[in-house]
């Protein structure tokens, strides 16, 4: 059995103008609603992995679903919010303006340190990833090979869960768009 964890292609990114932390909340909503950038083409390696899988799982976010379509997937076996990217916390701060990339880094670090205003906590995301990994393992038992088209941080959480339960694969599936990791379970 195997599970391939693949990061989605490059999404359409809303403007990168400086904004306050409270404005960043709206930027994240726009990002989550955006689909795949028209110039984001899957690598040949990602296409090779996709074509050999018997089941495909996506998050409920457009960039995941549209990436599966770009991989020439005809049928998505499961698409569900349990597979969405780990949420970013927000704040109602208006006194400092930074780029969305800077806010994303700041809020992700704060999230890892325990700050989770208006979002799931790190602990909750890990619990959700544990349940999602269980779902992927059940699908792997049924279909033998599963492709999960997911997201950067959440893919790392899933990989950790798989490895903690005896699956063999890389520590991380990669942080670049279209990167993937192959996780195998020999049944021992």
N, C-alpha and C. Protein backbone atom coordinates (compact mmCIF):
# COMPACT_ATOMS: atom_id res chain seq x y z
N UNK A 1 0.84 -1.19 0.00
CA UNK A 1 0.00 0.00 0.00
C UNK A 1 0.88 1.24 0.00
N UNK A 2 0.34 2.27 -0.64
CA UNK A 2 1.08 3.53 -0.61
C UNK A 2 0.14 4.73 -0.69
N UNK A 3 0.62 5.81 -0.09
CA UNK A 3 -0.06 7.10 -0.12
C UNK A 3 0.94 8.12 -0.63
N UNK A 4 0.57 8.82 -1.69
CA UNK A 4 1.41 9.89 -2.22
C UNK A 4 0.82 11.20 -1.72
N UNK A 5 1.62 11.97 -1.02
CA UNK A 5 1.20 13.29 -0.54
C UNK A 5 1.85 14.32 -1.46
N UNK A 6 1.02 15.07 -2.17
CA UNK A 6 1.49 16.02 -3.17
C UNK A 6 0.99 17.42 -2.83
N UNK A 7 1.84 18.42 -2.97
CA UNK A 7 1.41 19.79 -2.76
C UNK A 7 0.78 20.30 -4.04
N UNK A 8 -0.30 21.04 -3.89
CA UNK A 8 -1.02 21.62 -5.03
C UNK A 8 -0.10 22.50 -5.88
N UNK A 9 -0.56 22.82 -7.08
CA UNK A 9 0.16 23.74 -7.95
C UNK A 9 0.07 25.17 -7.44
N UNK A 10 0.73 26.07 -8.13
CA UNK A 10 0.75 27.47 -7.72
C UNK A 10 -0.64 28.09 -7.91
N UNK A 11 -1.21 28.63 -6.82
CA UNK A 11 -2.54 29.23 -6.93
C UNK A 11 -2.47 30.68 -7.41
N UNK A 12 -3.62 31.19 -7.77
CA UNK A 12 -3.74 32.62 -8.05
C UNK A 12 -3.58 33.32 -6.71
N UNK A 13 -2.64 34.24 -6.63
CA UNK A 13 -2.38 34.92 -5.37
C UNK A 13 -2.97 36.32 -5.43
N UNK A 14 -3.82 36.67 -4.45
CA UNK A 14 -4.36 38.03 -4.42
C UNK A 14 -3.21 39.04 -4.33
N UNK A 15 -3.53 40.27 -4.49
CA UNK A 15 -2.52 41.34 -4.46
C UNK A 15 -1.55 41.16 -3.30
N UNK A 16 -0.35 41.68 -3.47
CA UNK A 16 0.66 41.57 -2.41
C UNK A 16 0.98 42.93 -1.79
N UNK A 17 0.04 43.87 -1.91
CA UNK A 17 0.22 45.20 -1.31
C UNK A 17 0.27 45.08 0.21
N UNK A 18 0.95 46.03 0.82
CA UNK A 18 1.02 46.03 2.28
C UNK A 18 -0.37 46.26 2.86
N UNK A 19 -0.63 45.56 3.98
CA UNK A 19 -1.92 45.70 4.64
C UNK A 19 -1.77 45.46 6.13
N UNK A 20 -2.79 45.86 6.86
CA UNK A 20 -2.76 45.65 8.31
C UNK A 20 -3.11 44.20 8.61
N UNK A 21 -2.90 43.81 9.84
CA UNK A 21 -3.24 42.43 10.25
C UNK A 21 -4.73 42.18 10.10
N UNK A 22 -5.55 43.17 10.42
CA UNK A 22 -7.00 42.98 10.28
C UNK A 22 -7.39 42.86 8.80
N UNK A 23 -6.71 43.56 7.91
CA UNK A 23 -6.97 43.43 6.47
C UNK A 23 -6.45 42.09 5.94
N UNK A 24 -5.43 41.55 6.58
CA UNK A 24 -4.87 40.25 6.17
C UNK A 24 -5.91 39.14 6.28
N UNK A 25 -6.82 39.27 7.23
CA UNK A 25 -7.90 38.28 7.38
C UNK A 25 -8.67 38.13 6.08
N UNK A 26 -9.03 39.25 5.45
CA UNK A 26 -9.74 39.22 4.17
C UNK A 26 -8.86 38.68 3.06
N UNK A 27 -7.58 38.98 3.11
CA UNK A 27 -6.64 38.49 2.11
C UNK A 27 -6.60 36.96 2.15
N UNK A 28 -6.56 36.38 3.36
CA UNK A 28 -6.53 34.92 3.50
C UNK A 28 -7.80 34.31 2.93
N UNK A 29 -8.96 34.94 3.18
CA UNK A 29 -10.22 34.44 2.61
C UNK A 29 -10.16 34.44 1.08
N UNK A 30 -9.60 35.50 0.50
CA UNK A 30 -9.46 35.57 -0.96
C UNK A 30 -8.52 34.49 -1.47
N UNK A 31 -7.42 34.28 -0.77
CA UNK A 31 -6.46 33.26 -1.15
C UNK A 31 -7.11 31.88 -1.11
N UNK A 32 -7.86 31.60 -0.04
CA UNK A 32 -8.51 30.30 0.09
C UNK A 32 -9.58 30.08 -0.97
N UNK A 33 -10.15 31.14 -1.49
CA UNK A 33 -11.18 31.02 -2.53
C UNK A 33 -10.57 30.96 -3.94
N UNK A 34 -9.28 31.23 -4.05
CA UNK A 34 -8.66 31.27 -5.38
C UNK A 34 -8.30 29.88 -5.87
N UNK A 35 -8.30 29.77 -7.18
CA UNK A 35 -7.96 28.50 -7.81
C UNK A 35 -6.52 28.48 -8.27
N UNK A 36 -6.26 27.60 -9.19
CA UNK A 36 -4.91 27.37 -9.71
C UNK A 36 -4.55 28.43 -10.75
N UNK A 37 -3.33 28.91 -10.68
CA UNK A 37 -2.80 29.86 -11.66
C UNK A 37 -2.73 29.16 -13.02
N UNK A 38 -3.12 29.84 -14.08
CA UNK A 38 -3.16 29.21 -15.41
C UNK A 38 -1.78 28.80 -15.91
N UNK A 39 -0.74 29.37 -15.36
CA UNK A 39 0.62 29.03 -15.79
C UNK A 39 1.25 27.92 -14.96
N UNK A 40 0.52 27.41 -13.96
CA UNK A 40 1.05 26.36 -13.10
C UNK A 40 0.80 25.00 -13.74
N UNK A 41 1.85 24.41 -14.25
CA UNK A 41 1.79 23.14 -14.96
C UNK A 41 2.44 22.05 -14.09
N UNK A 42 1.76 20.92 -13.91
CA UNK A 42 2.37 19.84 -13.11
C UNK A 42 3.67 19.34 -13.73
N UNK A 43 4.58 18.92 -12.89
CA UNK A 43 5.82 18.32 -13.38
C UNK A 43 5.50 16.95 -13.95
N UNK A 44 6.38 16.45 -14.80
CA UNK A 44 6.19 15.10 -15.34
C UNK A 44 6.18 14.06 -14.23
N UNK A 45 7.00 14.28 -13.21
CA UNK A 45 7.05 13.34 -12.09
C UNK A 45 5.72 13.31 -11.34
N UNK A 46 5.12 14.49 -11.13
CA UNK A 46 3.82 14.55 -10.46
C UNK A 46 2.75 13.86 -11.31
N UNK A 47 2.78 14.08 -12.61
CA UNK A 47 1.83 13.42 -13.50
C UNK A 47 2.00 11.91 -13.45
N UNK A 48 3.24 11.44 -13.43
CA UNK A 48 3.51 9.99 -13.35
C UNK A 48 2.94 9.39 -12.07
N UNK A 49 3.08 10.11 -10.96
CA UNK A 49 2.54 9.61 -9.69
C UNK A 49 1.02 9.57 -9.74
N UNK A 50 0.42 10.62 -10.27
CA UNK A 50 -1.05 10.71 -10.30
C UNK A 50 -1.67 9.61 -11.14
N UNK A 51 -1.08 9.33 -12.28
CA UNK A 51 -1.68 8.37 -13.22
C UNK A 51 -1.69 6.95 -12.67
N UNK A 52 -0.80 6.63 -11.75
CA UNK A 52 -0.73 5.26 -11.26
C UNK A 52 -1.53 5.03 -9.98
N UNK A 53 -2.19 6.09 -9.47
CA UNK A 53 -2.97 5.95 -8.23
C UNK A 53 -4.41 5.53 -8.53
N UNK A 54 -4.95 4.70 -7.66
CA UNK A 54 -6.30 4.18 -7.83
C UNK A 54 -7.37 5.03 -7.16
N UNK A 55 -6.95 5.94 -6.28
CA UNK A 55 -7.88 6.84 -5.60
C UNK A 55 -7.20 8.19 -5.44
N UNK A 56 -8.02 9.25 -5.48
CA UNK A 56 -7.49 10.61 -5.34
C UNK A 56 -8.31 11.34 -4.28
N UNK A 57 -7.60 12.00 -3.36
CA UNK A 57 -8.23 12.75 -2.29
C UNK A 57 -7.76 14.20 -2.38
N UNK A 58 -8.70 15.12 -2.19
CA UNK A 58 -8.39 16.56 -2.21
C UNK A 58 -9.00 17.23 -0.99
N UNK A 59 -8.48 18.40 -0.68
CA UNK A 59 -9.16 19.23 0.31
C UNK A 59 -10.39 19.82 -0.38
N UNK A 60 -11.11 20.64 0.33
CA UNK A 60 -12.28 21.30 -0.25
C UNK A 60 -11.91 22.65 -0.88
N UNK A 61 -10.64 23.02 -0.83
CA UNK A 61 -10.20 24.31 -1.36
C UNK A 61 -9.96 24.22 -2.87
N UNK A 62 -10.35 25.27 -3.60
CA UNK A 62 -10.23 25.23 -5.07
C UNK A 62 -8.83 24.90 -5.58
N UNK A 63 -7.77 25.39 -4.93
CA UNK A 63 -6.42 25.13 -5.44
C UNK A 63 -6.06 23.65 -5.39
N UNK A 64 -6.64 22.90 -4.47
CA UNK A 64 -6.42 21.46 -4.39
C UNK A 64 -7.20 20.74 -5.49
N UNK A 65 -8.47 21.06 -5.62
CA UNK A 65 -9.33 20.41 -6.61
C UNK A 65 -8.86 20.71 -8.03
N UNK A 66 -8.52 21.97 -8.30
CA UNK A 66 -8.05 22.35 -9.64
C UNK A 66 -6.69 21.73 -9.95
N UNK A 67 -5.87 21.51 -8.94
CA UNK A 67 -4.58 20.83 -9.15
C UNK A 67 -4.82 19.38 -9.56
N UNK A 68 -5.80 18.74 -8.94
CA UNK A 68 -6.13 17.36 -9.33
C UNK A 68 -6.56 17.32 -10.79
N UNK A 69 -7.35 18.29 -11.20
CA UNK A 69 -7.78 18.35 -12.61
C UNK A 69 -6.58 18.57 -13.53
N UNK A 70 -5.64 19.43 -13.10
CA UNK A 70 -4.43 19.67 -13.90
C UNK A 70 -3.58 18.41 -14.02
N UNK A 71 -3.71 17.52 -13.04
CA UNK A 71 -3.00 16.24 -13.08
C UNK A 71 -3.75 15.20 -13.92
N UNK A 72 -4.78 15.66 -14.61
CA UNK A 72 -5.59 14.83 -15.51
C UNK A 72 -6.38 13.77 -14.76
N UNK A 73 -6.75 14.08 -13.53
CA UNK A 73 -7.57 13.18 -12.72
C UNK A 73 -9.02 13.31 -13.20
N UNK A 74 -9.62 12.20 -13.54
CA UNK A 74 -11.00 12.19 -14.01
C UNK A 74 -12.00 12.15 -12.85
N UNK A 75 -11.66 11.39 -11.81
CA UNK A 75 -12.58 11.21 -10.68
C UNK A 75 -11.84 11.44 -9.37
N UNK A 76 -12.38 12.34 -8.57
CA UNK A 76 -11.85 12.58 -7.23
C UNK A 76 -12.65 11.69 -6.28
N UNK A 77 -11.97 10.79 -5.61
CA UNK A 77 -12.61 9.83 -4.72
C UNK A 77 -13.23 10.51 -3.51
N UNK A 78 -12.51 11.49 -2.95
CA UNK A 78 -12.97 12.18 -1.75
C UNK A 78 -12.41 13.60 -1.75
N UNK A 79 -13.28 14.56 -1.49
CA UNK A 79 -12.88 15.96 -1.28
C UNK A 79 -13.59 16.42 -0.02
N UNK A 80 -12.81 16.88 0.97
CA UNK A 80 -13.42 17.17 2.26
C UNK A 80 -12.62 18.24 3.01
N UNK A 81 -13.31 19.00 3.85
CA UNK A 81 -12.65 20.06 4.62
C UNK A 81 -11.65 19.50 5.64
N UNK A 82 -11.78 18.21 6.01
CA UNK A 82 -10.81 17.64 6.96
C UNK A 82 -9.39 17.67 6.39
N UNK A 83 -9.27 17.86 5.07
CA UNK A 83 -7.97 17.88 4.40
C UNK A 83 -7.50 19.30 4.06
N UNK A 84 -8.26 20.32 4.47
CA UNK A 84 -7.88 21.71 4.18
C UNK A 84 -6.58 22.08 4.89
N UNK A 85 -5.94 23.11 4.38
CA UNK A 85 -4.71 23.61 4.98
C UNK A 85 -4.95 24.00 6.44
N UNK A 86 -3.92 23.86 7.27
CA UNK A 86 -3.98 24.31 8.66
C UNK A 86 -4.28 25.81 8.66
N UNK A 87 -5.26 26.20 9.43
CA UNK A 87 -5.70 27.59 9.43
C UNK A 87 -4.65 28.53 10.03
N UNK A 88 -4.69 29.76 9.56
CA UNK A 88 -3.85 30.81 10.15
C UNK A 88 -4.68 31.62 11.13
N UNK A 89 -4.12 31.94 12.28
CA UNK A 89 -4.85 32.82 13.20
C UNK A 89 -4.90 34.24 12.62
N UNK A 90 -5.72 35.06 13.22
CA UNK A 90 -5.84 36.45 12.78
C UNK A 90 -5.75 37.38 13.99
N UNK A 91 -5.67 38.64 13.69
CA UNK A 91 -5.64 39.65 14.75
C UNK A 91 -6.32 40.90 14.22
N UNK A 92 -6.81 41.71 15.11
CA UNK A 92 -7.49 42.94 14.73
C UNK A 92 -6.57 44.13 14.95
N UNK A 93 -5.36 44.02 14.43
CA UNK A 93 -4.36 45.08 14.58
C UNK A 93 -4.39 45.97 13.34
N UNK A 94 -4.40 47.26 13.55
CA UNK A 94 -4.44 48.20 12.41
C UNK A 94 -3.24 49.12 12.36
N UNK A 95 -2.34 49.03 13.29
CA UNK A 95 -1.26 50.00 13.41
C UNK A 95 -0.01 49.69 12.60
N UNK A 96 0.10 48.52 12.01
CA UNK A 96 1.29 48.15 11.26
C UNK A 96 0.85 47.55 9.94
N UNK A 97 1.51 47.95 8.85
CA UNK A 97 1.19 47.38 7.54
C UNK A 97 2.41 46.63 7.01
N UNK A 98 2.17 45.37 6.64
CA UNK A 98 3.21 44.51 6.09
C UNK A 98 2.66 43.79 4.86
N UNK A 99 3.55 43.14 4.13
CA UNK A 99 3.10 42.35 2.99
C UNK A 99 2.36 41.12 3.49
N UNK A 100 1.45 40.55 2.69
CA UNK A 100 0.77 39.32 3.10
C UNK A 100 1.75 38.18 3.41
N UNK A 101 2.84 38.10 2.66
CA UNK A 101 3.83 37.06 2.94
C UNK A 101 4.43 37.22 4.33
N UNK A 102 4.73 38.46 4.72
CA UNK A 102 5.29 38.71 6.06
C UNK A 102 4.26 38.35 7.14
N UNK A 103 2.99 38.75 6.94
CA UNK A 103 1.96 38.40 7.91
C UNK A 103 1.80 36.88 8.01
N UNK A 104 1.85 36.19 6.88
CA UNK A 104 1.70 34.73 6.90
C UNK A 104 2.80 34.08 7.74
N UNK A 105 4.02 34.54 7.59
CA UNK A 105 5.14 34.00 8.37
C UNK A 105 4.94 34.33 9.85
N UNK A 106 4.60 35.56 10.15
CA UNK A 106 4.41 35.98 11.55
C UNK A 106 3.30 35.17 12.21
N UNK A 107 2.15 35.07 11.53
CA UNK A 107 1.02 34.35 12.12
C UNK A 107 1.28 32.84 12.21
N UNK A 108 2.03 32.28 11.26
CA UNK A 108 2.33 30.85 11.34
C UNK A 108 3.25 30.59 12.53
N UNK A 109 4.24 31.45 12.74
CA UNK A 109 5.13 31.30 13.90
C UNK A 109 4.34 31.45 15.20
N UNK A 110 3.48 32.47 15.25
CA UNK A 110 2.64 32.66 16.45
C UNK A 110 1.75 31.44 16.68
N UNK A 111 1.22 30.88 15.61
CA UNK A 111 0.36 29.70 15.68
C UNK A 111 1.13 28.52 16.28
N UNK A 112 2.36 28.31 15.81
CA UNK A 112 3.19 27.23 16.34
C UNK A 112 3.52 27.43 17.82
N UNK A 113 3.51 28.71 18.23
CA UNK A 113 3.80 29.04 19.64
C UNK A 113 2.54 29.03 20.51
N UNK A 114 1.37 28.76 19.90
CA UNK A 114 0.16 28.64 20.70
C UNK A 114 -0.92 29.67 20.44
N UNK A 115 -0.64 30.68 19.64
CA UNK A 115 -1.64 31.71 19.33
C UNK A 115 -2.59 31.17 18.27
N UNK A 116 -3.91 31.22 18.54
CA UNK A 116 -4.86 30.69 17.57
C UNK A 116 -6.14 31.51 17.49
N UNK A 117 -6.04 32.81 17.62
CA UNK A 117 -7.20 33.68 17.54
C UNK A 117 -7.96 33.47 16.22
N UNK A 118 -9.23 33.14 16.31
CA UNK A 118 -10.11 32.94 15.14
C UNK A 118 -9.66 31.80 14.23
N UNK A 119 -8.95 30.81 14.76
CA UNK A 119 -8.53 29.66 13.95
C UNK A 119 -8.41 28.44 14.85
N UNK A 120 -8.24 27.30 14.21
CA UNK A 120 -7.95 26.10 14.99
C UNK A 120 -6.55 26.25 15.58
N UNK A 121 -6.34 25.62 16.71
CA UNK A 121 -5.01 25.65 17.32
C UNK A 121 -4.11 24.64 16.62
N UNK A 122 -2.83 24.72 16.91
CA UNK A 122 -1.87 23.75 16.39
C UNK A 122 -2.28 22.35 16.85
N UNK A 123 -2.66 22.21 18.11
CA UNK A 123 -3.08 20.92 18.65
C UNK A 123 -4.31 20.41 17.91
N UNK A 124 -5.27 21.27 17.64
CA UNK A 124 -6.47 20.87 16.90
C UNK A 124 -6.14 20.46 15.47
N UNK A 125 -5.21 21.17 14.85
CA UNK A 125 -4.79 20.82 13.47
C UNK A 125 -4.11 19.45 13.47
N UNK A 126 -3.29 19.17 14.49
CA UNK A 126 -2.64 17.86 14.58
C UNK A 126 -3.67 16.76 14.79
N UNK A 127 -4.68 17.00 15.59
CA UNK A 127 -5.75 16.03 15.80
C UNK A 127 -6.51 15.79 14.50
N UNK A 128 -6.81 16.86 13.78
CA UNK A 128 -7.50 16.74 12.48
C UNK A 128 -6.63 15.96 11.50
N UNK A 129 -5.33 16.23 11.49
CA UNK A 129 -4.41 15.50 10.59
C UNK A 129 -4.35 14.02 10.96
N UNK A 130 -4.43 13.70 12.24
CA UNK A 130 -4.43 12.31 12.66
C UNK A 130 -5.67 11.58 12.12
N UNK A 131 -6.82 12.23 12.21
CA UNK A 131 -8.06 11.65 11.67
C UNK A 131 -7.98 11.54 10.15
N UNK A 132 -7.44 12.57 9.50
CA UNK A 132 -7.31 12.55 8.04
C UNK A 132 -6.34 11.45 7.60
N UNK A 133 -5.26 11.26 8.33
CA UNK A 133 -4.31 10.19 8.01
C UNK A 133 -5.00 8.83 8.13
N UNK A 134 -5.84 8.68 9.13
CA UNK A 134 -6.60 7.43 9.30
C UNK A 134 -7.50 7.19 8.08
N UNK A 135 -8.15 8.26 7.61
CA UNK A 135 -9.00 8.15 6.42
C UNK A 135 -8.16 7.74 5.21
N UNK A 136 -6.99 8.35 5.04
CA UNK A 136 -6.12 8.00 3.91
C UNK A 136 -5.66 6.55 4.00
N UNK A 137 -5.34 6.09 5.21
CA UNK A 137 -4.91 4.70 5.38
C UNK A 137 -6.05 3.73 5.05
N UNK A 138 -7.27 4.06 5.44
CA UNK A 138 -8.42 3.22 5.09
C UNK A 138 -8.60 3.14 3.57
N UNK A 139 -8.44 4.30 2.90
CA UNK A 139 -8.55 4.31 1.44
C UNK A 139 -7.42 3.52 0.80
N UNK A 140 -6.23 3.58 1.38
CA UNK A 140 -5.09 2.81 0.85
C UNK A 140 -5.36 1.31 0.99
N UNK A 141 -5.98 0.91 2.09
CA UNK A 141 -6.34 -0.50 2.26
C UNK A 141 -7.32 -0.95 1.17
N UNK A 142 -8.24 -0.06 0.83
CA UNK A 142 -9.27 -0.39 -0.17
C UNK A 142 -8.74 -0.31 -1.60
N UNK A 143 -7.93 0.73 -1.90
CA UNK A 143 -7.51 1.01 -3.27
C UNK A 143 -6.04 0.69 -3.56
N UNK A 144 -5.26 0.40 -2.54
CA UNK A 144 -3.84 0.10 -2.62
C UNK A 144 -2.96 1.33 -2.83
N UNK A 145 -3.36 2.26 -3.70
CA UNK A 145 -2.56 3.48 -3.91
C UNK A 145 -3.47 4.69 -3.92
N UNK A 146 -3.09 5.69 -3.12
CA UNK A 146 -3.90 6.90 -2.95
C UNK A 146 -3.03 8.13 -3.19
N UNK A 147 -3.55 9.06 -3.97
CA UNK A 147 -2.90 10.36 -4.15
C UNK A 147 -3.67 11.38 -3.34
N UNK A 148 -2.98 12.10 -2.46
CA UNK A 148 -3.59 13.22 -1.74
C UNK A 148 -3.00 14.51 -2.28
N UNK A 149 -3.85 15.38 -2.82
CA UNK A 149 -3.44 16.68 -3.33
C UNK A 149 -3.74 17.69 -2.23
N UNK A 150 -2.69 18.07 -1.51
CA UNK A 150 -2.89 18.89 -0.32
C UNK A 150 -2.10 20.17 -0.28
N UNK A 151 -1.75 20.56 0.93
CA UNK A 151 -1.19 21.89 1.21
C UNK A 151 0.08 21.79 2.04
N UNK A 152 0.91 22.81 1.97
CA UNK A 152 2.23 22.81 2.58
C UNK A 152 2.29 22.38 4.03
N UNK A 153 1.70 23.12 4.94
CA UNK A 153 1.80 22.82 6.37
C UNK A 153 1.03 21.53 6.68
N UNK A 154 -0.16 21.40 6.12
CA UNK A 154 -0.98 20.22 6.42
C UNK A 154 -0.34 18.94 5.90
N UNK A 155 0.32 19.02 4.76
CA UNK A 155 1.03 17.84 4.24
C UNK A 155 2.10 17.37 5.22
N UNK A 156 2.81 18.32 5.85
CA UNK A 156 3.84 17.95 6.83
C UNK A 156 3.21 17.26 8.04
N UNK A 157 2.06 17.77 8.48
CA UNK A 157 1.36 17.14 9.61
C UNK A 157 0.92 15.72 9.25
N UNK A 158 0.41 15.54 8.04
CA UNK A 158 -0.01 14.21 7.59
C UNK A 158 1.17 13.25 7.49
N UNK A 159 2.27 13.74 6.93
CA UNK A 159 3.47 12.89 6.80
C UNK A 159 3.94 12.42 8.17
N UNK A 160 3.94 13.32 9.15
CA UNK A 160 4.34 12.96 10.51
C UNK A 160 3.42 11.87 11.08
N UNK A 161 2.13 12.03 10.85
CA UNK A 161 1.16 11.04 11.34
C UNK A 161 1.38 9.67 10.70
N UNK A 162 1.60 9.66 9.39
CA UNK A 162 1.83 8.39 8.70
C UNK A 162 3.09 7.71 9.24
N UNK A 163 4.17 8.48 9.36
CA UNK A 163 5.43 7.92 9.82
C UNK A 163 5.32 7.41 11.27
N UNK A 164 4.54 8.10 12.08
CA UNK A 164 4.37 7.69 13.48
C UNK A 164 3.61 6.37 13.59
N UNK A 165 2.90 6.00 12.53
CA UNK A 165 2.12 4.75 12.57
C UNK A 165 2.71 3.67 11.66
N UNK A 166 4.01 3.77 11.38
CA UNK A 166 4.70 2.69 10.69
C UNK A 166 4.86 2.83 9.19
N UNK A 167 4.40 3.92 8.62
CA UNK A 167 4.59 4.12 7.18
C UNK A 167 6.01 4.64 6.94
N UNK A 168 6.57 4.27 5.82
CA UNK A 168 7.94 4.65 5.49
C UNK A 168 7.90 5.66 4.34
N UNK A 169 8.64 6.75 4.52
CA UNK A 169 8.70 7.78 3.49
C UNK A 169 9.53 8.94 3.97
N UNK A 170 9.61 9.98 3.15
CA UNK A 170 10.42 11.14 3.53
C UNK A 170 9.82 11.88 4.73
N UNK A 171 10.66 12.62 5.41
CA UNK A 171 10.21 13.42 6.56
C UNK A 171 9.16 14.43 6.13
N UNK A 172 9.34 14.98 4.95
CA UNK A 172 8.41 15.97 4.39
C UNK A 172 8.19 15.65 2.92
N UNK A 173 7.01 15.96 2.43
CA UNK A 173 6.72 15.72 1.02
C UNK A 173 7.22 16.85 0.13
N UNK A 174 7.79 17.88 0.71
CA UNK A 174 8.33 19.00 -0.06
C UNK A 174 7.46 20.23 0.05
N UNK A 175 8.09 21.38 -0.01
CA UNK A 175 7.35 22.63 0.18
C UNK A 175 7.03 23.36 -1.12
N UNK A 176 7.63 22.95 -2.21
CA UNK A 176 7.37 23.62 -3.48
C UNK A 176 6.12 23.05 -4.13
N UNK A 177 5.50 23.87 -4.97
CA UNK A 177 4.31 23.40 -5.69
C UNK A 177 4.67 22.20 -6.55
N UNK A 178 3.79 21.22 -6.58
CA UNK A 178 3.90 19.96 -7.31
C UNK A 178 4.90 18.98 -6.69
N UNK A 179 5.54 19.32 -5.55
CA UNK A 179 6.41 18.37 -4.85
C UNK A 179 5.55 17.28 -4.21
N UNK A 180 6.14 16.12 -4.05
CA UNK A 180 5.40 15.02 -3.44
C UNK A 180 6.35 14.11 -2.66
N UNK A 181 5.74 13.32 -1.81
CA UNK A 181 6.46 12.27 -1.08
C UNK A 181 5.64 11.00 -1.16
N UNK A 182 6.33 9.88 -1.29
CA UNK A 182 5.67 8.58 -1.37
C UNK A 182 5.84 7.87 -0.04
N UNK A 183 4.72 7.46 0.56
CA UNK A 183 4.71 6.80 1.86
C UNK A 183 4.17 5.39 1.67
N UNK A 184 4.94 4.40 2.11
CA UNK A 184 4.58 3.00 1.89
C UNK A 184 4.37 2.28 3.21
N UNK A 185 3.45 1.33 3.16
CA UNK A 185 3.21 0.46 4.30
C UNK A 185 3.29 -0.96 3.81
N UNK A 186 4.18 -1.72 4.39
CA UNK A 186 4.42 -3.09 3.90
C UNK A 186 3.52 -4.10 4.59
N UNK A 187 2.77 -3.69 5.60
CA UNK A 187 1.87 -4.62 6.26
C UNK A 187 2.52 -5.39 7.40
N UNK A 188 3.74 -5.04 7.73
CA UNK A 188 4.42 -5.72 8.84
C UNK A 188 3.94 -5.21 10.16
